[in-house]
Amino acid sequence: MSEAYNEKMAAVNTTPGSETPLHTEKNLGSEEITPHPKGKPWMYKKFKLGPITIPCYASPPFQLVFVALVCFLCPGMFNAVNGLGAGGGVDPTVIDNTNTALYATFAGVGFFAGSIANRIGLRLTLGIGGFGYFLYIGAILSYNHDGNSGFLIFAGALLGLCAGMLWTAQGAVMMSYPPEKSKGKYISWFWMIFNLGGVIGALVPLGQNLHSTSSSVNDGTYIAFMVLMASGFVLAGFLCNPKLVERDDGSRVILMKNPSWKSELLGLWQTLISDWYIVLLFPMFFASNWFYTYHFQDVNAVKFNIRTRALNNVLYWLMQIVGAYTFGYALDSGMFRRTMRAKIDLVALFVLTMAVWGGGYAFQKEYTRATVDPDSGFIPLDFNDSGYIGPMFLYMFYGFFDAAWQTSVYW
């Protein structure tokens, strides 16, 4: 906070004829704020790192980047493994069953995850969410040695539970911390940092398998991912208490918390009744995730060898960064009012959907499951082959499209 702000706080919070400040000030649309009459605590102080000014720990930008780093290390690395197709070499049938268990529990828990986060807090919700990603990669490593599909499917179901909690905590931070005029930028910052995890994570198997023409990755790749993911869910324990987060204008985040599990669930029911129109967005939510299995299992996993899959993976997540930046900043443009920006965004998404998936349809007509079956003598495509460039650009735009869609949904 600036000196002018401190003076304002002192003036507002001092009773006539007294130098004793009152405890709180009411701000429109925010919780009560406790001023800092004797200097600012460390969490409200900015830091200088050479020419760079780092926002204070309890500020929305710092906390958003903090959560993005947790997602960088957990779901970002998960995306890197999943993007290789079939978990990097697991039997496709087993990984499909695992993904079914994962997204079934994800959908179920995700519906109630907001109530869970309200009761146990965002910090614990984020940490528990990160643990599931670590166990999932451990289960893939275990499967490659003992073929225990039951444990892998269980880990997938548990990951769905954890993912529902992690993404709820992430969404709470990303949607409630930034000011309204900057939501697009904040969303793009998060999505770029998060997907940088996918890029760096994808570089690991690319480097380790650059000279390999096999169809699976080695144990060292999985172990490296497990170490990174463990760092992610431990890092979640250092998330700032939302009650302490302070915006530039001095306002605080409003926390809605009910005193019991019963009141939380009743509050969820009342929200569905009072804000029923949120249901109209469900088709858009549904469309935001269904295509991952197709991209990873039915395009990347079956058409390319391991080193080319790794390269595709790097390009896919790199284009996610480009897409998030493009759409996030465009959605915050001051050239048009918000409703006009929303309409332009819908038109842009429609055109992009038709173009990218039209190209995908043309590519899909070139093969079926039977023609890419390894037992049929099919030889996966390598990045040195002459027919690689077209599919490479298609896969890149699949990544760009995903980021554009996700950024728009959040906005």
Protein backbone atom coordinates (compact mmCIF):
# COMPACT_ATOMS: atom_id res chain seq x y z
CA MET A 1 0.00 0.00 0.00
CA SER A 2 1.12 3.56 -0.70
CA GLU A 3 1.68 6.34 1.86
CA ALA A 4 -1.48 8.07 0.58
CA TYR A 5 -3.44 4.91 1.24
CA ASN A 6 -2.02 4.63 4.77
CA GLU A 7 -2.97 8.26 5.45
CA LYS A 8 -6.47 7.60 4.16
CA MET A 9 -6.82 4.56 6.36
CA ALA A 10 -5.60 6.45 9.39
CA ALA A 11 -8.07 9.28 8.74
CA VAL A 12 -11.04 6.98 8.23
CA ASN A 13 -10.22 4.74 11.18
CA THR A 14 -9.57 7.44 13.79
CA THR A 15 -12.40 8.58 16.03
CA PRO A 16 -12.88 12.33 16.62
CA GLY A 17 -10.70 13.61 19.42
CA SER A 18 -8.68 10.42 19.57
CA GLU A 19 -5.54 9.08 17.94
CA THR A 20 -6.65 5.47 18.41
CA PRO A 21 -7.59 3.77 15.13
CA LEU A 22 -10.70 1.66 14.90
CA HIS A 23 -10.23 -1.98 13.94
CA THR A 24 -11.75 -2.15 10.48
CA GLU A 25 -12.93 -0.25 7.46
CA LYS A 26 -15.83 -1.30 5.26
CA ASN A 27 -15.09 -1.40 1.54
CA LEU A 28 -17.80 -1.79 -1.04
CA GLY A 29 -17.89 -5.36 -2.30
CA SER A 30 -15.17 -6.62 0.00
CA GLU A 31 -14.61 -8.06 3.44
CA GLU A 32 -13.63 -5.91 6.37
CA ILE A 33 -10.03 -4.80 6.19
CA THR A 34 -7.63 -4.53 9.06
CA PRO A 35 -5.21 -1.66 8.37
CA HIS A 36 -1.53 -1.77 9.20
CA PRO A 37 -0.98 1.32 11.41
CA LYS A 38 2.61 0.47 12.33
CA GLY A 39 4.10 -0.43 8.98
CA LYS A 40 3.27 -3.27 6.64
CA PRO A 41 3.84 -6.95 7.49
CA TRP A 42 6.32 -8.76 5.25
CA MET A 43 3.57 -10.33 3.15
CA TYR A 44 2.46 -6.88 1.95
CA LYS A 45 5.92 -5.70 0.92
CA LYS A 46 7.15 -5.78 -2.67
CA PHE A 47 10.63 -7.07 -3.44
CA LYS A 48 13.22 -5.80 -5.89
CA LEU A 49 15.19 -8.32 -7.89
CA GLY A 50 17.52 -6.16 -9.94
CA PRO A 51 15.34 -4.15 -12.35
CA ILE A 52 12.33 -6.40 -11.63
CA THR A 53 9.75 -5.61 -8.94
CA ILE A 54 8.16 -8.75 -7.50
CA PRO A 55 4.58 -8.28 -6.21
CA CYS A 56 4.05 -8.85 -2.52
CA TYR A 57 3.28 -12.37 -1.33
CA ALA A 58 -0.33 -11.57 -0.34
CA SER A 59 -1.19 -9.94 -3.68
CA PRO A 60 -3.43 -11.47 -6.39
CA PRO A 61 -0.63 -11.60 -9.05
CA PHE A 62 1.78 -13.42 -6.72
CA GLN A 63 -0.85 -15.92 -5.56
CA LEU A 64 -2.03 -16.55 -9.11
CA VAL A 65 1.53 -17.30 -10.24
CA PHE A 66 1.98 -19.45 -7.13
CA VAL A 67 -1.06 -21.59 -7.99
CA ALA A 68 0.09 -21.70 -11.62
CA LEU A 69 3.43 -23.14 -10.47
CA VAL A 70 1.62 -25.88 -8.51
CA CYS A 71 -0.37 -26.69 -11.66
CA PHE A 72 2.86 -26.43 -13.68
CA LEU A 73 4.34 -29.22 -11.55
CA CYS A 74 1.26 -31.44 -11.16
CA PRO A 75 -1.34 -31.37 -13.97
CA GLY A 76 1.24 -29.77 -16.28
CA MET A 77 3.51 -32.79 -15.93
CA PHE A 78 0.51 -35.12 -16.10
CA ASN A 79 -0.39 -33.52 -19.42
CA ALA A 80 3.13 -34.13 -20.67
CA VAL A 81 2.85 -37.86 -19.88
CA ASN A 82 -0.72 -38.18 -21.12
CA GLY A 83 0.15 -36.28 -24.27
CA LEU A 84 2.56 -39.03 -25.27
CA GLY A 85 -0.46 -41.25 -25.79
CA ALA A 86 -1.29 -44.36 -23.75
CA GLY A 87 0.63 -42.94 -20.77
CA GLY A 88 3.88 -43.26 -22.71
CA GLY A 89 3.49 -46.96 -23.48
CA VAL A 90 0.71 -48.54 -21.39
CA ASP A 91 -1.76 -50.92 -23.09
CA PRO A 92 -4.28 -48.53 -24.73
CA THR A 93 -7.24 -50.55 -23.38
CA VAL A 94 -5.96 -50.26 -19.82
CA ILE A 95 -5.26 -46.53 -20.12
CA ASP A 96 -8.74 -46.00 -21.63
CA ASN A 97 -10.31 -47.79 -18.65
CA THR A 98 -8.16 -45.69 -16.34
CA ASN A 99 -9.25 -42.48 -18.02
CA THR A 100 -12.89 -43.59 -17.73
CA ALA A 101 -12.45 -44.03 -13.98
CA LEU A 102 -10.55 -40.75 -13.75
CA TYR A 103 -13.12 -38.56 -15.46
CA ALA A 104 -16.10 -40.31 -13.84
CA THR A 105 -14.84 -39.44 -10.35
CA PHE A 106 -13.62 -36.04 -11.56
CA ALA A 107 -17.13 -35.13 -12.72
CA GLY A 108 -18.79 -36.44 -9.56
CA VAL A 109 -16.40 -34.86 -7.06
CA GLY A 110 -16.05 -31.67 -9.08
CA PHE A 111 -19.73 -30.91 -8.55
CA PHE A 112 -19.26 -30.84 -4.76
CA ALA A 113 -15.64 -29.70 -4.66
CA GLY A 114 -16.59 -26.08 -4.01
CA SER A 115 -18.30 -27.09 -0.76
CA ILE A 116 -15.27 -29.19 0.19
CA ALA A 117 -12.92 -26.26 -0.47
CA ASN A 118 -15.09 -23.94 1.61
CA ARG A 119 -14.92 -26.32 4.56
CA ILE A 120 -11.24 -27.37 4.54
CA GLY A 121 -9.69 -24.29 2.89
CA LEU A 122 -8.00 -23.66 -0.45
CA ARG A 123 -4.52 -24.58 0.77
CA LEU A 124 -5.44 -28.12 1.85
CA THR A 125 -7.72 -28.58 -1.15
CA LEU A 126 -4.88 -27.68 -3.51
CA GLY A 127 -2.38 -29.93 -1.72
CA ILE A 128 -4.64 -32.99 -1.67
CA GLY A 129 -5.39 -32.36 -5.32
CA GLY A 130 -1.71 -32.38 -6.24
CA PHE A 131 -1.03 -35.71 -4.52
CA GLY A 132 -3.26 -37.64 -6.93
CA TYR A 133 -1.06 -36.75 -9.91
CA PHE A 134 2.04 -38.08 -8.15
CA LEU A 135 0.34 -41.42 -7.35
CA TYR A 136 -0.99 -41.77 -10.89
CA ILE A 137 2.47 -41.62 -12.47
CA GLY A 138 3.74 -44.06 -9.82
CA ALA A 139 0.94 -46.44 -10.82
CA ILE A 140 1.96 -46.24 -14.50
CA LEU A 141 5.56 -47.05 -13.53
CA SER A 142 4.29 -49.96 -11.43
CA TYR A 143 2.14 -51.26 -14.28
CA ASN A 144 5.10 -51.31 -16.66
CA HIS A 145 6.83 -53.75 -14.30
CA ASP A 146 4.06 -55.95 -12.88
CA GLY A 147 1.10 -55.41 -15.21
CA ASN A 148 -1.23 -54.62 -12.28
CA SER A 149 -4.04 -52.88 -14.15
CA GLY A 150 -6.26 -52.80 -11.03
CA PHE A 151 -3.89 -50.49 -9.19
CA LEU A 152 -3.57 -48.22 -12.22
CA ILE A 153 -7.35 -47.93 -12.60
CA PHE A 154 -7.66 -47.22 -8.86
CA ALA A 155 -4.99 -44.51 -9.16
CA GLY A 156 -6.95 -43.02 -12.06
CA ALA A 157 -10.15 -42.94 -9.98
CA LEU A 158 -8.28 -41.35 -7.07
CA LEU A 159 -6.73 -38.82 -9.43
CA GLY A 160 -10.21 -37.84 -10.58
CA LEU A 161 -11.15 -37.10 -6.98
CA CYS A 162 -7.95 -35.13 -6.42
CA ALA A 163 -8.19 -33.30 -9.75
CA GLY A 164 -11.69 -32.13 -8.92
CA MET A 165 -10.32 -30.57 -5.74
CA LEU A 166 -7.20 -29.06 -7.33
CA TRP A 167 -9.04 -27.40 -10.19
CA THR A 168 -11.69 -26.05 -7.83
CA ALA A 169 -9.04 -24.40 -5.67
CA GLN A 170 -7.29 -23.11 -8.79
CA GLY A 171 -10.53 -21.74 -10.21
CA ALA A 172 -11.38 -20.00 -6.93
CA VAL A 173 -8.06 -18.16 -7.01
CA MET A 174 -8.12 -17.32 -10.69
CA MET A 175 -11.72 -16.13 -10.78
CA SER A 176 -12.00 -14.23 -7.49
CA TYR A 177 -8.58 -12.64 -6.95
CA PRO A 178 -8.13 -10.43 -10.08
CA PRO A 179 -10.07 -7.21 -10.73
CA GLU A 180 -12.79 -7.55 -13.36
CA LYS A 181 -10.98 -5.48 -16.00
CA SER A 182 -7.92 -7.78 -15.88
CA LYS A 183 -9.51 -11.24 -15.77
CA GLY A 184 -8.46 -12.11 -19.31
CA LYS A 185 -4.82 -11.28 -18.60
CA TYR A 186 -4.82 -13.20 -15.32
CA ILE A 187 -6.36 -16.23 -17.02
CA SER A 188 -3.77 -16.07 -19.79
CA TRP A 189 -0.92 -15.77 -17.26
CA PHE A 190 -2.13 -18.84 -15.45
CA TRP A 191 -2.69 -20.87 -18.61
CA MET A 192 0.72 -19.94 -20.03
CA ILE A 193 2.63 -20.88 -16.86
CA PHE A 194 0.59 -24.04 -16.37
CA ASN A 195 1.20 -25.19 -19.94
CA LEU A 196 4.86 -24.31 -19.70
CA GLY A 197 4.87 -27.34 -17.41
CA GLY A 198 3.57 -29.39 -20.31
CA VAL A 199 6.29 -27.98 -22.60
CA ILE A 200 9.15 -28.63 -20.16
CA GLY A 201 7.65 -31.95 -19.14
CA ALA A 202 7.43 -32.98 -22.79
CA LEU A 203 11.06 -32.03 -23.34
CA VAL A 204 12.08 -34.70 -20.79
CA PRO A 205 10.87 -37.70 -22.84
CA LEU A 206 11.95 -35.97 -26.06
CA GLY A 207 15.52 -35.65 -24.78
CA GLN A 208 15.58 -39.18 -23.35
CA ASN A 209 14.03 -40.81 -26.41
CA LEU A 210 15.39 -38.61 -29.21
CA HIS A 211 17.35 -41.48 -30.71
CA SER A 212 14.75 -44.13 -29.98
CA THR A 213 12.25 -45.49 -32.49
CA SER A 214 10.41 -47.67 -29.93
CA SER A 215 6.82 -47.11 -28.73
CA SER A 216 7.36 -46.60 -24.98
CA VAL A 217 9.40 -44.39 -22.65
CA ASN A 218 11.92 -45.55 -20.07
CA ASP A 219 11.62 -45.66 -16.25
CA GLY A 220 13.78 -42.58 -15.78
CA THR A 221 11.15 -40.45 -17.49
CA TYR A 222 8.43 -41.51 -15.04
CA ILE A 223 10.71 -41.07 -12.02
CA ALA A 224 11.60 -37.53 -13.13
CA PHE A 225 7.90 -36.69 -13.39
CA MET A 226 7.20 -38.14 -9.93
CA VAL A 227 9.90 -35.95 -8.35
CA LEU A 228 8.48 -32.84 -9.99
CA MET A 229 4.91 -33.69 -8.98
CA ALA A 230 5.95 -34.34 -5.38
CA SER A 231 7.48 -30.86 -5.34
CA GLY A 232 4.19 -29.47 -6.62
CA PHE A 233 1.88 -30.81 -3.91
CA VAL A 234 4.38 -29.86 -1.19
CA LEU A 235 4.53 -26.33 -2.63
CA ALA A 236 0.75 -26.08 -2.29
CA GLY A 237 1.20 -26.00 1.49
CA PHE A 238 2.64 -22.48 1.22
CA LEU A 239 -0.42 -20.90 -0.42
CA CYS A 240 -1.46 -17.68 1.33
CA ASN A 241 -4.63 -17.66 3.44
CA PRO A 242 -7.26 -16.05 1.13
CA LYS A 243 -8.40 -13.79 3.99
CA LEU A 244 -5.01 -12.05 3.87
CA VAL A 245 -4.89 -11.45 0.11
CA GLU A 246 -5.17 -7.73 -0.68
CA ARG A 247 -5.76 -6.09 -4.05
CA ASP A 248 -4.09 -2.85 -5.17
CA ASP A 249 -7.16 -0.82 -4.18
CA GLY A 250 -7.06 -2.25 -0.64
CA SER A 251 -10.07 -4.54 -1.04
CA ARG A 252 -9.99 -8.12 0.13
CA VAL A 253 -11.36 -11.36 -1.29
CA ILE A 254 -14.88 -12.23 -0.12
CA LEU A 255 -14.97 -15.71 1.39
CA MET A 256 -18.35 -17.42 1.61
CA LYS A 257 -18.17 -20.08 4.30
CA ASN A 258 -20.97 -21.97 5.99
CA PRO A 259 -20.58 -23.36 9.51
CA SER A 260 -21.31 -27.03 8.68
CA TRP A 261 -21.30 -29.58 5.88
CA LYS A 262 -25.10 -29.54 5.92
CA SER A 263 -25.27 -25.78 5.41
CA GLU A 264 -22.64 -26.00 2.65
CA LEU A 265 -24.69 -28.55 0.71
CA LEU A 266 -27.87 -26.56 1.26
CA GLY A 267 -26.02 -23.50 -0.04
CA LEU A 268 -25.04 -25.46 -3.17
CA TRP A 269 -28.68 -26.41 -3.75
CA GLN A 270 -29.84 -22.83 -3.25
CA THR A 271 -27.22 -21.63 -5.74
CA LEU A 272 -28.55 -24.01 -8.39
CA ILE A 273 -32.02 -22.62 -7.83
CA SER A 274 -31.11 -18.93 -7.72
CA ASP A 275 -28.44 -19.05 -10.47
CA TRP A 276 -30.06 -21.73 -12.64
CA TYR A 277 -28.81 -20.10 -15.85
CA ILE A 278 -25.31 -21.47 -15.09
CA VAL A 279 -26.66 -24.78 -16.42
CA LEU A 280 -26.79 -23.21 -19.89
CA LEU A 281 -22.98 -23.16 -19.85
CA PHE A 282 -22.72 -26.92 -19.20
CA PRO A 283 -22.47 -27.85 -22.92
CA MET A 284 -19.50 -25.48 -23.24
CA PHE A 285 -17.92 -27.03 -20.14
CA PHE A 286 -18.52 -30.49 -21.57
CA ALA A 287 -16.86 -29.56 -24.86
CA SER A 288 -13.78 -28.26 -23.05
CA ASN A 289 -12.37 -31.67 -22.09
CA TRP A 290 -13.79 -34.48 -24.19
CA PHE A 291 -11.27 -34.20 -27.04
CA TYR A 292 -8.12 -34.87 -25.00
CA THR A 293 -8.53 -38.63 -25.23
CA TYR A 294 -8.92 -38.36 -28.99
CA HIS A 295 -5.84 -36.14 -29.39
CA PHE A 296 -3.57 -38.26 -27.23
CA GLN A 297 -4.88 -41.81 -27.73
CA ASP A 298 -6.27 -41.80 -31.28
CA VAL A 299 -3.93 -39.37 -33.03
CA ASN A 300 -0.58 -39.05 -31.29
CA ALA A 301 -0.37 -42.55 -29.81
CA VAL A 302 -1.28 -44.48 -32.95
CA LYS A 303 0.19 -42.48 -35.84
CA PHE A 304 3.69 -41.63 -34.58
CA ASN A 305 6.70 -43.32 -32.98
CA ILE A 306 7.82 -42.33 -29.48
CA ARG A 307 10.28 -39.58 -30.34
CA THR A 308 7.82 -37.98 -32.77
CA ARG A 309 5.05 -38.23 -30.17
CA ALA A 310 7.36 -36.44 -27.74
CA LEU A 311 8.04 -33.68 -30.30
CA ASN A 312 4.32 -33.34 -31.05
CA ASN A 313 3.74 -33.07 -27.32
CA VAL A 314 6.19 -30.16 -27.00
CA LEU A 315 4.57 -28.31 -29.91
CA TYR A 316 1.04 -28.98 -28.63
CA TRP A 317 1.67 -27.41 -25.21
CA LEU A 318 3.76 -24.61 -26.71
CA MET A 319 0.80 -23.61 -28.87
CA GLN A 320 -1.37 -23.65 -25.76
CA ILE A 321 0.79 -20.79 -24.47
CA VAL A 322 0.35 -18.87 -27.72
CA GLY A 323 -3.43 -19.44 -27.71
CA ALA A 324 -3.84 -18.36 -24.08
CA TYR A 325 -1.86 -15.18 -24.65
CA THR A 326 -3.75 -14.28 -27.83
CA PHE A 327 -7.26 -14.79 -26.48
CA GLY A 328 -6.60 -13.68 -22.88
CA TYR A 329 -5.29 -10.27 -23.85
CA ALA A 330 -7.87 -9.84 -26.63
CA LEU A 331 -10.70 -10.46 -24.14
CA ASP A 332 -9.43 -7.57 -21.98
CA SER A 333 -9.21 -5.17 -24.90
CA GLY A 334 -10.66 -1.74 -24.18
CA MET A 335 -11.70 -1.18 -27.80
CA PHE A 336 -15.14 -2.75 -27.27
CA ARG A 337 -17.55 -3.09 -24.38
CA ARG A 338 -17.63 -6.44 -22.59
CA THR A 339 -20.78 -7.79 -24.27
CA MET A 340 -19.38 -7.01 -27.73
CA ARG A 341 -16.10 -8.74 -26.84
CA ALA A 342 -18.08 -11.83 -25.78
CA LYS A 343 -19.93 -11.92 -29.12
CA ILE A 344 -16.71 -11.47 -31.12
CA ASP A 345 -15.12 -14.24 -29.07
CA LEU A 346 -17.98 -16.65 -29.85
CA VAL A 347 -17.68 -15.94 -33.58
CA ALA A 348 -13.88 -16.42 -33.43
CA LEU A 349 -14.32 -19.72 -31.60
CA PHE A 350 -16.88 -20.91 -34.18
CA VAL A 351 -14.57 -20.12 -37.10
CA LEU A 352 -11.58 -21.68 -35.34
CA THR A 353 -13.58 -24.82 -34.49
CA MET A 354 -14.68 -25.33 -38.08
CA ALA A 355 -11.17 -24.73 -39.47
CA VAL A 356 -9.19 -26.88 -37.03
CA TRP A 357 -11.62 -29.75 -36.72
CA GLY A 358 -12.33 -29.65 -40.44
CA GLY A 359 -8.64 -30.28 -40.99
CA GLY A 360 -8.79 -32.98 -38.33
CA TYR A 361 -11.65 -34.69 -40.14
CA ALA A 362 -9.68 -34.71 -43.39
CA PHE A 363 -6.70 -36.24 -41.56
CA GLN A 364 -8.85 -38.84 -39.79
CA LYS A 365 -10.22 -40.14 -43.10
CA GLU A 366 -6.71 -41.37 -43.91
CA TYR A 367 -6.73 -44.16 -41.30
CA THR A 368 -8.85 -46.40 -39.07
CA ARG A 369 -8.03 -48.36 -35.92
CA ALA A 370 -7.46 -51.45 -38.03
CA THR A 371 -4.97 -49.79 -40.39
CA VAL A 372 -2.79 -48.45 -37.54
CA ASP A 373 -2.80 -51.70 -35.55
CA PRO A 374 0.85 -52.70 -34.91
CA ASP A 375 -0.07 -56.33 -35.65
CA SER A 376 -1.08 -55.31 -39.18
CA GLY A 377 2.49 -54.25 -39.96
CA PHE A 378 1.81 -50.51 -39.65
CA ILE A 379 4.98 -48.41 -39.26
CA PRO A 380 4.44 -45.25 -37.15
CA LEU A 381 5.32 -41.92 -38.71
CA ASP A 382 8.68 -40.34 -37.80
CA PHE A 383 9.46 -36.61 -37.89
CA ASN A 384 12.06 -37.28 -40.60
CA ASP A 385 9.41 -38.73 -42.91
CA SER A 386 8.18 -36.61 -45.81
CA GLY A 387 4.51 -36.75 -44.77
CA TYR A 388 5.03 -35.39 -41.27
CA ILE A 389 4.71 -31.59 -41.71
CA GLY A 390 0.94 -31.49 -42.36
CA PRO A 391 -0.02 -33.62 -39.31
CA MET A 392 2.46 -31.63 -37.22
CA PHE A 393 0.71 -28.32 -37.94
CA LEU A 394 -2.70 -29.92 -37.35
CA TYR A 395 -1.56 -31.14 -33.93
CA MET A 396 -0.13 -27.73 -33.11
CA PHE A 397 -3.46 -26.07 -33.89
CA TYR A 398 -5.26 -28.64 -31.76
CA GLY A 399 -3.26 -27.19 -28.86
CA PHE A 400 -3.93 -23.58 -29.87
CA PHE A 401 -7.66 -24.28 -30.14
CA ASP A 402 -7.78 -25.90 -26.69
CA ALA A 403 -6.20 -22.85 -25.02
CA ALA A 404 -8.52 -20.47 -26.87
CA TRP A 405 -11.57 -22.45 -25.75
CA GLN A 406 -10.45 -22.84 -22.12
CA THR A 407 -9.54 -19.16 -21.78
CA SER A 408 -12.93 -18.16 -23.16
CA VAL A 409 -14.79 -20.52 -20.80
CA TYR A 410 -13.03 -19.08 -17.75
CA TRP A 411 -13.56 -15.50 -18.93
